[in-house]
Amino acid sequence: QVQLVESGGGSVQPGGSLRLSCAASGTIFSIHKMGWYRQAPGEQRELVATITRGGSTNYVDSVKGRFTISSDNAKNTVYLQMNSLKPEDTAVYYCNAEGRSSEWARALFNGWGQGTQVTVSS
């Protein structure tokens, strides 16, 4: 069983910064990819950024140059540094991880955290 726990959300003014963290724990053999997704009220979930075990990153165009995703593979942790925040960044941010369980069958998993609220307003 794999658990993902996010932290670091909050309320900031436009132009401010936040750093989100997500730690995966449990029966993990390896994590292949971790990422952040967000969902604003009344809208569909949107990919924000992903990072593979090898360090390859991908970002939605609207956050390029402002957000940076990073990871600590030894700690099974992913971070999202968010700078120059805008009101349109307001959403619930969800952590995602995919990999293999350390249990006998080493089955694939794809898990989600509970979400953390990010609010950008004056």
C-alpha atoms as a PDB file:
ATOM      1  CA  GLN A   1       0.000   0.000   0.000  1.00  0.00           C
ATOM      2  CA  VAL A   2       1.368   3.401  -1.045  1.00  0.00           C
ATOM      3  CA  GLN A   3       0.452   6.697   0.579  1.00  0.00           C
ATOM      4  CA  LEU A   4       1.078  10.217  -0.760  1.00  0.00           C
ATOM      5  CA  VAL A   5       0.944  13.250   1.514  1.00  0.00           C
ATOM      6  CA  GLU A   6       1.137  16.824   0.229  1.00  0.00           C
ATOM      7  CA  SER A   7       2.084  19.909   2.200  1.00  0.00           C
ATOM      8  CA  GLY A   8       2.997  23.535   1.626  1.00  0.00           C
ATOM      9  CA  GLY A   9      -0.210  25.011   0.282  1.00  0.00           C
ATOM     10  CA  GLY A  10      -1.623  28.283   1.495  1.00  0.00           C
ATOM     11  CA  SER A  11      -2.730  31.778   0.577  1.00  0.00           C
ATOM     12  CA  VAL A  12      -0.432  34.345  -1.013  1.00  0.00           C
ATOM     13  CA  GLN A  13      -0.684  37.624  -2.872  1.00  0.00           C
ATOM     14  CA  PRO A  14       0.003  37.843  -6.603  1.00  0.00           C
ATOM     15  CA  GLY A  15       3.728  37.669  -7.238  1.00  0.00           C
ATOM     16  CA  GLY A  16       4.346  35.591  -4.145  1.00  0.00           C
ATOM     17  CA  SER A  17       5.886  32.150  -3.831  1.00  0.00           C
ATOM     18  CA  LEU A  18       5.037  28.775  -2.357  1.00  0.00           C
ATOM     19  CA  ARG A  19       6.792  25.435  -2.272  1.00  0.00           C
ATOM     20  CA  LEU A  20       4.737  22.267  -2.310  1.00  0.00           C
ATOM     21  CA  SER A  21       6.080  18.945  -1.088  1.00  0.00           C
ATOM     22  CA  CYS A  22       4.797  15.414  -1.525  1.00  0.00           C
ATOM     23  CA  ALA A  23       6.241  12.368   0.183  1.00  0.00           C
ATOM     24  CA  ALA A  24       5.412   8.848  -0.914  1.00  0.00           C
ATOM     25  CA  SER A  25       5.628   6.061   1.616  1.00  0.00           C
ATOM     26  CA  GLY A  26       4.659   2.450   2.047  1.00  0.00           C
ATOM     27  CA  THR A  27       5.470  -0.661   0.060  1.00  0.00           C
ATOM     28  CA  ILE A  28       7.501   1.004  -2.701  1.00  0.00           C
ATOM     29  CA  PHE A  29      10.092  -0.766  -4.814  1.00  0.00           C
ATOM     30  CA  SER A  30      10.676   2.105  -7.207  1.00  0.00           C
ATOM     31  CA  ILE A  31       8.972   5.251  -8.440  1.00  0.00           C
ATOM     32  CA  HIS A  32       9.082   5.903 -12.181  1.00  0.00           C
ATOM     33  CA  LYS A  33       7.391   9.287 -12.303  1.00  0.00           C
ATOM     34  CA  MET A  34       5.952  11.874  -9.944  1.00  0.00           C
ATOM     35  CA  GLY A  35       3.964  14.946 -10.763  1.00  0.00           C
ATOM     36  CA  TRP A  36       1.609  17.699  -9.779  1.00  0.00           C
ATOM     37  CA  TYR A  37      -1.897  18.292 -11.082  1.00  0.00           C
ATOM     38  CA  ARG A  38      -4.384  20.990 -10.170  1.00  0.00           C
ATOM     39  CA  GLN A  39      -8.112  21.507 -10.287  1.00  0.00           C
ATOM     40  CA  ALA A  40      -9.861  24.856 -10.003  1.00  0.00           C
ATOM     41  CA  PRO A  41     -13.545  25.131  -9.024  1.00  0.00           C
ATOM     42  CA  GLY A  42     -15.789  24.120 -11.901  1.00  0.00           C
ATOM     43  CA  GLU A  43     -12.865  23.036 -14.077  1.00  0.00           C
ATOM     44  CA  GLN A  44     -11.236  19.749 -15.001  1.00  0.00           C
ATOM     45  CA  ARG A  45      -8.002  18.481 -13.535  1.00  0.00           C
ATOM     46  CA  GLU A  46      -4.938  19.847 -15.317  1.00  0.00           C
ATOM     47  CA  LEU A  47      -1.387  18.563 -15.462  1.00  0.00           C
ATOM     48  CA  VAL A  48       1.045  21.101 -14.012  1.00  0.00           C
ATOM     49  CA  ALA A  49       4.420  19.349 -14.047  1.00  0.00           C
ATOM     50  CA  THR A  50       5.964  15.888 -14.003  1.00  0.00           C
ATOM     51  CA  ILE A  51       9.418  14.490 -13.350  1.00  0.00           C
ATOM     52  CA  THR A  52      10.800  11.038 -14.072  1.00  0.00           C
ATOM     53  CA  ARG A  53      13.270   9.086 -11.982  1.00  0.00           C
ATOM     54  CA  GLY A  54      15.951  10.084 -14.485  1.00  0.00           C
ATOM     55  CA  GLY A  55      15.162  13.771 -14.056  1.00  0.00           C
ATOM     56  CA  SER A  56      13.226  14.540 -17.230  1.00  0.00           C
ATOM     57  CA  THR A  57      10.638  17.256 -16.620  1.00  0.00           C
ATOM     58  CA  ASN A  58       7.481  18.425 -18.320  1.00  0.00           C
ATOM     59  CA  TYR A  59       5.400  21.546 -17.645  1.00  0.00           C
ATOM     60  CA  VAL A  60       2.137  22.988 -18.809  1.00  0.00           C
ATOM     61  CA  ASP A  61       2.857  26.114 -20.857  1.00  0.00           C
ATOM     62  CA  SER A  62       1.180  28.473 -18.408  1.00  0.00           C
ATOM     63  CA  VAL A  63       3.716  27.756 -15.633  1.00  0.00           C
ATOM     64  CA  LYS A  64       6.937  27.535 -17.626  1.00  0.00           C
ATOM     65  CA  GLY A  65       9.535  29.914 -16.267  1.00  0.00           C
ATOM     66  CA  ARG A  66       7.654  30.319 -12.991  1.00  0.00           C
ATOM     67  CA  PHE A  67       7.359  26.816 -11.519  1.00  0.00           C
ATOM     68  CA  THR A  68      10.120  24.275 -10.981  1.00  0.00           C
ATOM     69  CA  ILE A  69       9.566  20.612 -10.214  1.00  0.00           C
ATOM     70  CA  SER A  70      12.276  18.608  -8.491  1.00  0.00           C
ATOM     71  CA  SER A  71      12.609  15.338  -6.631  1.00  0.00           C
ATOM     72  CA  ASP A  72      14.665  13.468  -4.100  1.00  0.00           C
ATOM     73  CA  ASN A  73      14.579   9.882  -5.278  1.00  0.00           C
ATOM     74  CA  ALA A  74      16.130   8.542  -2.084  1.00  0.00           C
ATOM     75  CA  LYS A  75      13.265  10.062  -0.087  1.00  0.00           C
ATOM     76  CA  ASN A  76      10.526   9.357  -2.653  1.00  0.00           C
ATOM     77  CA  THR A  77       9.647  13.023  -2.464  1.00  0.00           C
ATOM     78  CA  VAL A  78       8.664  15.551  -5.122  1.00  0.00           C
ATOM     79  CA  TYR A  79       8.616  19.334  -4.799  1.00  0.00           C
ATOM     80  CA  LEU A  80       7.014  22.150  -6.724  1.00  0.00           C
ATOM     81  CA  GLN A  81       8.567  25.575  -6.317  1.00  0.00           C
ATOM     82  CA  MET A  82       6.011  28.150  -7.437  1.00  0.00           C
ATOM     83  CA  ASN A  83       7.195  31.706  -8.042  1.00  0.00           C
ATOM     84  CA  SER A  84       5.468  34.759  -9.484  1.00  0.00           C
ATOM     85  CA  LEU A  85       2.104  33.301  -8.585  1.00  0.00           C
ATOM     86  CA  LYS A  86      -0.981  34.577 -10.378  1.00  0.00           C
ATOM     87  CA  PRO A  87      -4.666  34.465  -9.414  1.00  0.00           C
ATOM     88  CA  GLU A  88      -5.249  31.912 -12.161  1.00  0.00           C
ATOM     89  CA  ASP A  89      -2.927  29.526 -10.301  1.00  0.00           C
ATOM     90  CA  THR A  90      -5.569  29.201  -7.592  1.00  0.00           C
ATOM     91  CA  ALA A  91      -6.581  25.550  -7.350  1.00  0.00           C
ATOM     92  CA  VAL A  92      -6.307  22.392  -5.336  1.00  0.00           C
ATOM     93  CA  TYR A  93      -2.952  20.817  -6.168  1.00  0.00           C
ATOM     94  CA  TYR A  94      -2.676  17.033  -6.186  1.00  0.00           C
ATOM     95  CA  CYS A  95       0.449  14.910  -6.070  1.00  0.00           C
ATOM     96  CA  ASN A  96       0.706  11.837  -8.288  1.00  0.00           C
ATOM     97  CA  ALA A  97       3.189   8.979  -8.346  1.00  0.00           C
ATOM     98  CA  GLU A  98       3.570   5.848 -10.423  1.00  0.00           C
ATOM     99  CA  GLY A  99       5.932   2.977  -9.885  1.00  0.00           C
ATOM    100  CA  ARG A 100       6.192  -0.546  -8.561  1.00  0.00           C
ATOM    101  CA  SER A 101       5.248  -1.918  -5.180  1.00  0.00           C
ATOM    102  CA  SER A 102       7.858  -3.694  -3.056  1.00  0.00           C
ATOM    103  CA  GLU A 103       5.363  -6.418  -2.264  1.00  0.00           C
ATOM    104  CA  TRP A 104       5.839  -9.894  -3.685  1.00  0.00           C
ATOM    105  CA  ALA A 105       4.328  -9.327  -7.128  1.00  0.00           C
ATOM    106  CA  ARG A 106       5.941  -5.881  -7.588  1.00  0.00           C
ATOM    107  CA  ALA A 107       2.728  -4.656  -9.119  1.00  0.00           C
ATOM    108  CA  LEU A 108       2.418  -1.267 -10.769  1.00  0.00           C
ATOM    109  CA  PHE A 109       0.752   1.486  -8.799  1.00  0.00           C
ATOM    110  CA  ASN A 110      -0.585   4.916  -9.667  1.00  0.00           C
ATOM    111  CA  GLY A 111      -1.525   6.901  -6.592  1.00  0.00           C
ATOM    112  CA  TRP A 112      -2.833  10.321  -5.654  1.00  0.00           C
ATOM    113  CA  GLY A 113      -2.494  12.522  -2.611  1.00  0.00           C
ATOM    114  CA  GLN A 114      -5.368  14.204  -0.823  1.00  0.00           C
ATOM    115  CA  GLY A 115      -4.690  17.623  -2.326  1.00  0.00           C
ATOM    116  CA  THR A 116      -3.513  20.934  -0.927  1.00  0.00           C
ATOM    117  CA  GLN A 117      -5.182  24.300  -1.524  1.00  0.00           C
ATOM    118  CA  VAL A 118      -3.283  27.132  -3.187  1.00  0.00           C
ATOM    119  CA  THR A 119      -5.008  30.506  -3.220  1.00  0.00           C
ATOM    120  CA  VAL A 120      -3.555  33.575  -4.932  1.00  0.00           C
ATOM    121  CA  SER A 121      -5.457  36.797  -4.311  1.00  0.00           C
ATOM    122  CA  SER A 122      -5.150  40.352  -3.064  1.00  0.00           C
END
